[in-house]
Amino acid sequence: MLADWVTRYPLLVVAGWLILTIALLPFTWNMGQRLTGELTPPAHSQALEVQRLISRNMPDAGKQQLVLTLHSEEHAVGTPEFEPGLDTLLEKIRGVPGVDRIITHRDLGFERLGPSGQEYSAILLSMDISTLEKAQQAVESIRETPKEWNSAFEVNVTGLPAVAIDLSEVSESDVGRAEQSALPVTSILLVAAFGALLSALIPPLVGWIAVILALGAIALLSRAYPVHSLAQTVTVMLGLAAGIDYCLLMVTRFREEMDKGQSPREAAMRSVTTAGRAIVLSGIMVAVSLVALLFPPLNLVRSIGMAGIVVILFSVLVAVTLVPALLTLLGARINWPKAIYRWFAPSIKGKGWERLAGCIAARPGRWAAVATLFLLALGLPLGRIEIYNEGVQNLSPSVESRKGVEALKHLDLDGMLDRVDVLVDLGEGNTFYAHRRWNRPHA
């Protein structure tokens, strides 16, 4: 029934998908601002409970914090050139909305922030803001301030809000790199595989339609649920891979049916009932496997699972409806231009794959052993894999928040951003400095 409907009303199907794509396209703009880079602790975990108690009972301790690092090869800390310039910078920073408290090496007990004679120094900023989203807005203003200060100093802003912004921007730039590198290479390979420009253009086009639809849907979902910025990269990666792959199956099957003398509509219907069935089953299996990622109570893991499921479902729907509708409309023009197709046709319809299949079927044990050894060789690097939590170390050394951490290493303060909160319940009516709460250590 699906094959009959999409091939009977192809223009209606194409128009419907076009309208939906255009409607969701605006939601894909500035995706980084809609998603979050924050890693929330698991639900019902001790870490989350401590975080909530601190936010409720000690608002000052729950404020967002930033670190500004200064580096100058010309002016060392404590020199007449450094200190007046620092005063000017501090005055500018105090005017940024959201900045509550500023701590420098001049404050008692914080001398390590800028040892005298050092090329590096740091400034701690406490924000009068408790949410990450509002702190991210303040980061942009703070980053603009040093640019008008002194060219002799390199100033970098780091801290959780700054790292979250940079992670989102990196994810967004990944999409651009996919457009610039993956698609041209894929298109060239498809031209060689199909021997026709029009056949080669449809899979990337359909793949990007699935990605746009999925990104738009995820942007809408992010209004009700915090979606991690990594979901954007996962969507583009899976969407292009699955969308192109599924479309490739449909187009290949359609051309085979056309070569048998079928009409465009009959060939498209046959493609849906054969290749389309395989695509639906494949998509369901992938989506079901990704459902497992929705159970861990971590927004990062759930975001990956949700993004994968959404983009796979869109890829399947587009492949079994939009693609056959387009093929019905194109008909024999799918092999345009004919001159290129006639040149590629002998190699496309050659017996090479048939001979390979016969060779494998004749010696299945030998080929199974070769395939197993190949897979084991690919899995060898897993024995030395190093797994890290997502954070600033995942960013390129050229990113500002990563530069800030590298500067802190010169002050032996790179652990400053890895704060560990310990909550002590002293009981009702007791204070931390009460005499009976202290135990004198043994000599």
Protein backbone atom coordinates (compact mmCIF):
# COMPACT_ATOMS: atom_id res chain seq x y z
CA MET A 1 0.00 0.00 0.00
CA LEU A 2 2.83 2.38 0.80
CA ALA A 3 4.53 1.66 -2.53
CA ASP A 4 1.26 2.20 -4.39
CA TRP A 5 0.52 5.51 -2.65
CA VAL A 6 3.95 7.18 -2.93
CA THR A 7 4.24 6.26 -6.62
CA ARG A 8 0.65 7.23 -7.42
CA TYR A 9 1.03 10.74 -5.93
CA PRO A 10 4.77 11.49 -6.26
CA LEU A 11 4.37 15.25 -6.55
CA LEU A 12 2.31 15.35 -3.35
CA VAL A 13 4.94 13.30 -1.50
CA VAL A 14 7.82 15.49 -2.70
CA ALA A 15 5.91 18.69 -1.86
CA GLY A 16 5.09 17.39 1.65
CA TRP A 17 8.70 16.59 2.48
CA LEU A 18 9.86 19.90 0.99
CA ILE A 19 7.41 21.87 3.14
CA LEU A 20 8.44 19.98 6.29
CA THR A 21 12.16 20.49 5.54
CA ILE A 22 11.71 24.23 4.98
CA ALA A 23 9.62 24.48 8.17
CA LEU A 24 12.30 22.80 10.31
CA LEU A 25 15.29 24.44 8.63
CA PRO A 26 15.22 27.67 10.72
CA PHE A 27 15.47 25.61 13.92
CA THR A 28 18.82 24.21 12.76
CA TRP A 29 20.44 27.65 12.68
CA ASN A 30 22.67 28.43 15.67
CA MET A 31 22.15 24.92 17.03
CA GLY A 32 25.06 25.42 19.43
CA GLN A 33 23.07 28.05 21.33
CA ARG A 34 20.10 25.72 21.71
CA LEU A 35 22.11 22.78 23.06
CA THR A 36 24.05 22.48 26.30
CA GLY A 37 27.64 21.51 27.00
CA GLU A 38 26.97 20.78 30.69
CA LEU A 39 27.36 17.28 32.08
CA THR A 40 24.71 16.76 34.72
CA PRO A 41 25.26 14.08 37.40
CA PRO A 42 23.08 10.96 37.22
CA ALA A 43 19.62 11.20 38.76
CA HIS A 44 19.40 10.06 42.39
CA SER A 45 23.21 10.09 42.63
CA GLN A 46 25.12 11.43 45.62
CA ALA A 47 26.83 13.99 43.39
CA LEU A 48 23.50 15.44 42.23
CA GLU A 49 22.10 15.52 45.77
CA VAL A 50 25.20 17.38 47.03
CA GLN A 51 24.89 19.81 44.14
CA ARG A 52 21.25 20.53 45.00
CA LEU A 53 21.96 20.96 48.73
CA ILE A 54 24.80 23.37 48.06
CA SER A 55 22.67 25.41 45.64
CA ARG A 56 19.80 25.57 48.15
CA ASN A 57 21.72 26.21 51.38
CA MET A 58 24.89 27.93 50.18
CA PRO A 59 24.02 30.06 47.14
CA ASP A 60 27.47 31.66 47.03
CA ALA A 61 29.17 28.26 46.73
CA GLY A 62 26.95 27.36 43.78
CA LYS A 63 27.91 30.39 41.70
CA GLN A 64 29.55 29.87 38.35
CA GLN A 65 33.27 30.64 38.18
CA LEU A 66 35.64 31.67 35.40
CA VAL A 67 39.41 31.92 35.17
CA LEU A 68 41.29 34.50 33.11
CA THR A 69 44.89 33.63 32.33
CA LEU A 70 47.45 36.27 31.35
CA HIS A 71 50.69 35.61 29.52
CA SER A 72 53.32 38.11 28.45
CA GLU A 73 56.92 37.56 27.42
CA GLU A 74 57.59 41.30 27.77
CA HIS A 75 56.07 42.17 31.15
CA ALA A 76 56.53 39.82 34.12
CA VAL A 77 54.29 39.83 37.19
CA GLY A 78 55.27 42.55 39.66
CA THR A 79 57.01 44.82 37.14
CA PRO A 80 55.95 48.49 36.74
CA GLU A 81 54.62 47.67 33.27
CA PHE A 82 52.46 44.76 34.45
CA GLU A 83 50.65 46.05 37.54
CA PRO A 84 49.12 49.28 36.10
CA GLY A 85 47.97 47.35 33.05
CA LEU A 86 46.34 44.77 35.31
CA ASP A 87 44.45 47.56 37.10
CA THR A 88 43.07 48.73 33.76
CA LEU A 89 41.94 45.22 32.84
CA LEU A 90 40.29 44.68 36.23
CA GLU A 91 38.40 47.93 35.87
CA LYS A 92 37.02 46.82 32.52
CA ILE A 93 36.04 43.39 33.84
CA ARG A 94 34.18 44.87 36.82
CA GLY A 95 31.86 46.59 34.36
CA VAL A 96 30.75 43.30 32.79
CA PRO A 97 27.24 42.31 33.96
CA GLY A 98 27.29 39.18 36.10
CA VAL A 99 30.80 39.58 37.57
CA ASP A 100 30.46 39.45 41.37
CA ARG A 101 33.96 39.01 42.79
CA ILE A 102 37.47 39.22 41.36
CA ILE A 103 40.47 37.53 42.96
CA THR A 104 44.08 38.13 41.85
CA HIS A 105 47.56 37.35 43.15
CA ARG A 106 47.33 40.51 45.24
CA ASP A 107 44.69 38.99 47.53
CA LEU A 108 45.92 37.36 50.74
CA GLY A 109 46.33 33.63 50.34
CA PHE A 110 46.18 33.71 46.53
CA GLU A 111 49.80 34.61 45.77
CA ARG A 112 50.13 31.47 43.61
CA LEU A 113 47.88 33.07 41.02
CA GLY A 114 50.80 35.24 39.93
CA PRO A 115 54.23 34.63 41.48
CA SER A 116 56.53 37.61 41.12
CA GLY A 117 58.68 37.43 38.00
CA GLN A 118 56.43 34.87 36.29
CA GLU A 119 55.27 35.28 32.69
CA TYR A 120 51.92 33.76 33.60
CA SER A 121 49.21 34.87 36.02
CA ALA A 122 45.54 34.09 36.61
CA ILE A 123 42.43 35.96 37.71
CA LEU A 124 39.48 34.22 39.39
CA LEU A 125 36.01 35.54 38.58
CA SER A 126 33.01 34.61 40.69
CA MET A 127 29.76 35.19 38.81
CA ASP A 128 26.57 36.42 40.42
CA ILE A 129 24.92 33.70 38.35
CA SER A 130 23.94 30.17 39.33
CA THR A 131 22.89 28.69 35.96
CA LEU A 132 25.30 27.63 33.24
CA GLU A 133 23.20 29.15 30.44
CA LYS A 134 23.32 32.67 31.91
CA ALA A 135 27.03 32.30 32.68
CA GLN A 136 27.67 31.43 29.04
CA GLN A 137 26.09 34.71 27.98
CA ALA A 138 28.46 36.58 30.32
CA VAL A 139 31.48 34.70 28.92
CA GLU A 140 31.05 36.31 25.51
CA SER A 141 31.15 39.81 27.06
CA ILE A 142 34.18 38.96 29.19
CA ARG A 143 36.04 37.55 26.17
CA GLU A 144 35.49 40.78 24.24
CA THR A 145 36.89 42.95 27.05
CA PRO A 146 40.60 41.93 26.88
CA LYS A 147 40.70 42.55 23.12
CA GLU A 148 40.56 46.29 23.83
CA TRP A 149 43.16 46.13 26.59
CA ASN A 150 46.84 45.55 25.73
CA SER A 151 48.30 43.68 22.79
CA ALA A 152 51.40 42.75 24.82
CA PHE A 153 49.32 40.30 26.86
CA GLU A 154 47.60 37.12 25.74
CA VAL A 155 44.37 36.72 27.72
CA ASN A 156 42.31 33.52 27.65
CA VAL A 157 39.04 32.78 29.42
CA THR A 158 38.43 29.26 30.73
CA GLY A 159 36.18 27.56 33.26
CA LEU A 160 33.07 25.38 32.92
CA PRO A 161 30.88 27.98 31.12
CA ALA A 162 33.69 28.80 28.68
CA VAL A 163 34.45 25.12 28.02
CA ALA A 164 30.73 24.44 27.41
CA ILE A 165 30.61 27.23 24.81
CA ASP A 166 33.72 25.96 23.05
CA LEU A 167 32.42 22.37 22.98
CA SER A 168 29.22 23.57 21.31
CA GLU A 169 31.14 25.62 18.76
CA VAL A 170 33.41 22.69 17.96
CA SER A 171 30.37 20.45 17.41
CA GLU A 172 28.90 23.07 15.08
CA SER A 173 32.13 23.36 13.13
CA ASP A 174 32.14 19.57 12.67
CA VAL A 175 29.01 19.97 10.59
CA GLY A 176 30.81 22.44 8.34
CA ARG A 177 33.76 20.09 7.91
CA ALA A 178 31.39 17.29 6.93
CA GLU A 179 29.95 19.52 4.21
CA GLN A 180 33.35 20.55 2.91
CA SER A 181 35.15 17.20 2.96
CA ALA A 182 32.85 14.19 3.24
CA LEU A 183 30.22 15.16 0.69
CA PRO A 184 32.56 15.94 -2.25
CA VAL A 185 34.42 12.66 -1.75
CA THR A 186 31.14 10.74 -1.40
CA SER A 187 29.75 12.35 -4.56
CA ILE A 188 32.82 11.36 -6.59
CA LEU A 189 32.57 7.75 -5.38
CA LEU A 190 28.86 7.65 -6.19
CA VAL A 191 29.47 8.96 -9.71
CA ALA A 192 31.99 6.16 -10.22
CA ALA A 193 29.56 3.59 -8.77
CA PHE A 194 26.47 4.71 -10.71
CA GLY A 195 28.08 6.05 -13.86
CA ALA A 196 25.59 8.95 -13.88
CA LEU A 197 25.56 12.39 -12.29
CA LEU A 198 21.86 12.48 -11.42
CA SER A 199 21.94 9.07 -9.72
CA ALA A 200 24.97 10.18 -7.71
CA LEU A 201 23.36 13.43 -6.57
CA ILE A 202 20.21 11.90 -5.07
CA PRO A 203 21.79 9.98 -2.12
CA PRO A 204 23.73 12.98 -0.66
CA LEU A 205 20.68 15.20 -1.18
CA VAL A 206 18.40 12.76 0.60
CA GLY A 207 21.01 12.26 3.34
CA TRP A 208 21.12 15.98 4.07
CA ILE A 209 17.33 16.24 4.04
CA ALA A 210 17.23 13.56 6.75
CA VAL A 211 19.91 15.44 8.74
CA ILE A 212 18.04 18.77 8.49
CA LEU A 213 14.78 17.16 9.56
CA ALA A 214 16.46 15.42 12.52
CA LEU A 215 18.35 18.54 13.64
CA GLY A 216 15.14 20.58 13.50
CA ALA A 217 13.28 17.98 15.55
CA ILE A 218 16.11 17.81 18.10
CA ALA A 219 16.14 21.60 18.39
CA LEU A 220 12.44 21.48 19.25
CA LEU A 221 13.01 18.65 21.76
CA SER A 222 15.78 20.68 23.41
CA ARG A 223 13.16 23.15 24.64
CA ALA A 224 11.69 20.46 26.88
CA TYR A 225 14.79 18.39 27.63
CA PRO A 226 18.46 19.47 27.93
CA VAL A 227 20.18 18.04 24.86
CA HIS A 228 23.99 17.85 24.88
CA SER A 229 25.89 19.56 22.07
CA LEU A 230 27.45 16.23 21.04
CA ALA A 231 24.03 15.23 19.68
CA GLN A 232 24.59 17.55 16.73
CA THR A 233 27.74 15.72 15.62
CA VAL A 234 26.08 12.32 16.09
CA THR A 235 23.09 13.42 14.02
CA VAL A 236 25.20 14.55 11.07
CA MET A 237 27.44 11.48 11.22
CA LEU A 238 24.63 8.90 11.40
CA GLY A 239 22.28 10.86 9.16
CA LEU A 240 24.66 11.12 6.25
CA ALA A 241 25.82 7.51 6.60
CA ALA A 242 22.35 5.97 6.91
CA GLY A 243 20.60 8.37 4.53
CA ILE A 244 23.11 7.84 1.73
CA ASP A 245 23.26 4.09 2.33
CA TYR A 246 19.48 3.60 2.32
CA CYS A 247 19.02 5.79 -0.74
CA LEU A 248 21.82 3.92 -2.51
CA LEU A 249 19.90 0.65 -2.07
CA MET A 250 16.71 2.17 -3.46
CA VAL A 251 18.34 3.77 -6.50
CA THR A 252 20.32 0.63 -7.33
CA ARG A 253 17.20 -1.53 -7.14
CA PHE A 254 15.22 0.96 -9.23
CA ARG A 255 17.81 0.97 -12.00
CA GLU A 256 17.86 -2.83 -12.04
CA GLU A 257 14.08 -2.93 -12.49
CA MET A 258 14.23 -0.27 -15.21
CA ASP A 259 16.83 -2.36 -17.07
CA LYS A 260 14.32 -5.24 -17.02
CA GLY A 261 11.85 -3.10 -19.00
CA GLN A 262 9.60 -2.02 -16.12
CA SER A 263 7.85 1.36 -16.25
CA PRO A 264 9.14 4.03 -13.81
CA ARG A 265 6.17 3.56 -11.48
CA GLU A 266 6.41 -0.24 -11.54
CA ALA A 267 10.17 -0.08 -10.94
CA ALA A 268 9.69 2.30 -8.00
CA MET A 269 6.96 0.11 -6.48
CA ARG A 270 9.15 -2.96 -6.84
CA SER A 271 12.03 -1.08 -5.18
CA VAL A 272 9.87 -0.18 -2.17
CA THR A 273 8.56 -3.73 -1.69
CA THR A 274 12.06 -5.26 -1.86
CA ALA A 275 14.84 -2.83 -0.97
CA GLY A 276 12.38 -0.72 1.06
CA ARG A 277 11.50 -3.70 3.25
CA ALA A 278 15.20 -4.29 3.97
CA ILE A 279 15.68 -0.59 4.77
CA VAL A 280 12.79 -0.54 7.25
CA LEU A 281 14.02 -3.68 9.03
CA SER A 282 17.57 -2.31 9.15
CA GLY A 283 16.39 1.04 10.54
CA ILE A 284 14.25 -0.64 13.19
CA MET A 285 17.21 -2.76 14.33
CA VAL A 286 19.48 0.29 14.58
CA ALA A 287 16.84 2.32 16.44
CA VAL A 288 16.14 -0.53 18.88
CA SER A 289 19.85 -0.88 19.65
CA LEU A 290 20.06 2.87 20.34
CA VAL A 291 17.15 2.69 22.79
CA ALA A 292 19.61 1.22 25.31
CA LEU A 293 21.29 4.64 25.47
CA LEU A 294 18.10 6.23 26.78
CA PHE A 295 18.25 4.33 30.09
CA PRO A 296 21.47 5.65 31.72
CA PRO A 297 20.51 8.77 33.72
CA LEU A 298 23.11 10.96 31.96
CA ASN A 299 22.06 13.72 29.59
CA LEU A 300 25.16 13.15 27.41
CA VAL A 301 24.40 9.46 26.83
CA ARG A 302 20.67 10.03 26.45
CA SER A 303 21.29 12.85 23.97
CA ILE A 304 23.39 10.52 21.79
CA GLY A 305 20.68 7.85 21.89
CA MET A 306 17.88 10.30 21.17
CA ALA A 307 19.76 11.94 18.29
CA GLY A 308 20.56 8.55 16.76
CA ILE A 309 16.99 7.30 16.97
CA VAL A 310 15.51 10.49 15.51
CA VAL A 311 17.89 10.69 12.56
CA ILE A 312 17.60 6.96 11.75
CA LEU A 313 13.79 7.15 11.73
CA PHE A 314 13.86 10.17 9.43
CA SER A 315 16.39 8.42 7.17
CA VAL A 316 14.09 5.39 6.85
CA LEU A 317 10.96 7.46 6.23
CA VAL A 318 12.65 9.58 3.58
CA ALA A 319 14.17 6.53 1.88
CA VAL A 320 10.89 4.63 1.50
CA THR A 321 8.69 7.61 0.57
CA LEU A 322 10.60 10.57 -0.88
CA VAL A 323 13.16 8.52 -2.83
CA PRO A 324 10.62 6.33 -4.71
CA ALA A 325 8.53 9.43 -5.42
CA LEU A 326 11.57 11.14 -6.96
CA LEU A 327 12.47 8.02 -8.92
CA THR A 328 8.93 7.78 -10.30
CA LEU A 329 9.17 11.37 -11.54
CA LEU A 330 12.66 10.95 -13.00
CA GLY A 331 12.17 7.60 -14.71
CA ALA A 332 14.85 6.90 -17.33
CA ARG A 333 16.41 10.31 -16.64
CA ILE A 334 18.01 8.72 -13.57
CA ASN A 335 20.89 7.71 -15.89
CA TRP A 336 21.54 11.29 -17.05
CA PRO A 337 23.82 12.15 -18.76
CA LYS A 338 23.63 9.22 -21.14
CA ALA A 339 27.14 9.76 -22.51
CA ILE A 340 28.75 9.16 -19.11
CA TYR A 341 26.43 6.26 -18.33
CA ARG A 342 27.27 4.46 -21.62
CA TRP A 343 30.98 4.82 -20.83
CA PHE A 344 30.57 3.43 -17.28
CA ALA A 345 27.92 0.82 -18.09
CA PRO A 346 30.28 -2.06 -19.02
CA SER A 347 32.18 -1.84 -15.72
CA ILE A 348 28.99 -1.37 -13.69
CA LYS A 349 27.31 -4.42 -15.22
CA GLY A 350 30.49 -6.48 -15.26
CA LYS A 351 30.81 -9.95 -13.80
CA GLY A 352 33.41 -9.04 -11.17
CA TRP A 353 31.04 -9.07 -8.19
CA GLU A 354 29.39 -12.24 -9.45
CA ARG A 355 32.75 -14.00 -9.69
CA LEU A 356 33.71 -12.82 -6.20
CA ALA A 357 30.42 -14.12 -4.78
CA GLY A 358 30.98 -17.48 -6.46
CA CYS A 359 34.50 -17.71 -5.10
CA ILE A 360 33.32 -16.99 -1.53
CA ALA A 361 30.47 -19.51 -1.81
CA ALA A 362 32.87 -22.18 -3.08
CA ARG A 363 35.26 -21.79 -0.10
CA PRO A 364 33.18 -20.32 2.77
CA GLY A 365 35.46 -21.59 5.56
CA ARG A 366 38.58 -20.00 4.12
CA TRP A 367 36.88 -16.67 3.51
CA ALA A 368 35.29 -16.72 6.98
CA ALA A 369 38.75 -17.20 8.51
CA VAL A 370 40.17 -14.30 6.47
CA ALA A 371 37.29 -12.03 7.48
CA THR A 372 37.67 -13.00 11.15
CA LEU A 373 41.39 -12.28 11.15
CA PHE A 374 40.75 -8.93 9.50
CA LEU A 375 38.17 -7.97 12.13
CA LEU A 376 40.49 -9.05 14.95
CA ALA A 377 43.27 -6.91 13.48
CA LEU A 378 40.92 -3.92 13.44
CA GLY A 379 40.07 -4.55 17.09
CA LEU A 380 43.68 -4.66 18.34
CA PRO A 381 43.83 -0.91 19.21
CA LEU A 382 41.00 -1.46 21.72
CA GLY A 383 43.53 -3.13 24.03
CA ARG A 384 45.30 0.20 24.50
CA ILE A 385 42.31 2.51 24.41
CA GLU A 386 42.33 5.44 26.86
CA ILE A 387 38.93 6.73 27.96
CA TYR A 388 38.49 10.22 29.35
CA ASN A 389 35.56 12.19 30.63
CA GLU A 390 34.38 14.83 28.20
CA GLY A 391 35.90 18.22 28.99
CA VAL A 392 38.53 20.71 28.03
CA GLN A 393 41.06 17.97 27.14
CA ASN A 394 38.76 16.96 24.26
CA LEU A 395 39.27 20.38 22.68
CA SER A 396 42.03 21.35 20.29
CA PRO A 397 45.02 23.20 21.83
CA SER A 398 44.06 26.18 19.65
CA VAL A 399 40.69 26.66 21.43
CA GLU A 400 40.64 29.49 23.98
CA SER A 401 39.42 27.56 27.02
CA ARG A 402 42.07 24.88 26.35
CA LYS A 403 44.75 27.60 26.07
CA GLY A 404 43.67 28.85 29.47
CA VAL A 405 44.17 25.43 31.04
CA GLU A 406 47.59 25.11 29.41
CA ALA A 407 48.53 28.49 30.91
CA LEU A 408 47.40 27.30 34.36
CA LYS A 409 49.80 24.36 34.04
CA HIS A 410 52.70 26.81 34.09
CA LEU A 411 51.43 27.97 37.50
CA ASP A 412 50.83 24.38 38.69
CA LEU A 413 47.16 25.30 38.98
CA ASP A 414 45.67 23.20 36.17
CA GLY A 415 43.63 21.27 38.75
CA MET A 416 41.80 24.47 39.68
CA LEU A 417 38.92 23.65 37.34
CA ASP A 418 38.52 20.12 38.74
CA ARG A 419 36.81 21.16 41.94
CA VAL A 420 35.51 18.49 44.29
CA ASP A 421 32.73 19.52 46.71
CA VAL A 422 32.52 17.69 50.04
CA LEU A 423 29.35 18.28 52.04
CA VAL A 424 29.54 17.62 55.79
CA ASP A 425 26.33 17.33 57.83
CA LEU A 426 27.19 18.47 61.36
CA GLY A 427 23.68 18.01 62.72
CA GLU A 428 21.11 20.59 63.73
CA GLY A 429 22.44 23.38 65.95
CA ASN A 430 26.10 22.56 65.37
CA THR A 431 28.61 24.70 63.51
CA PHE A 432 31.83 23.76 61.80
CA TYR A 433 33.97 25.65 64.32
CA ALA A 434 32.24 24.28 67.42
CA HIS A 435 34.91 23.07 69.90
CA ARG A 436 33.38 19.65 70.44
CA ARG A 437 33.37 18.91 66.71
CA TRP A 438 37.17 18.98 66.49
CA ASN A 439 39.53 16.16 67.38
CA ARG A 440 43.10 16.98 68.34
CA PRO A 441 45.49 14.84 66.22
CA HIS A 442 47.88 12.53 68.09
CA ALA A 443 51.50 13.62 68.26
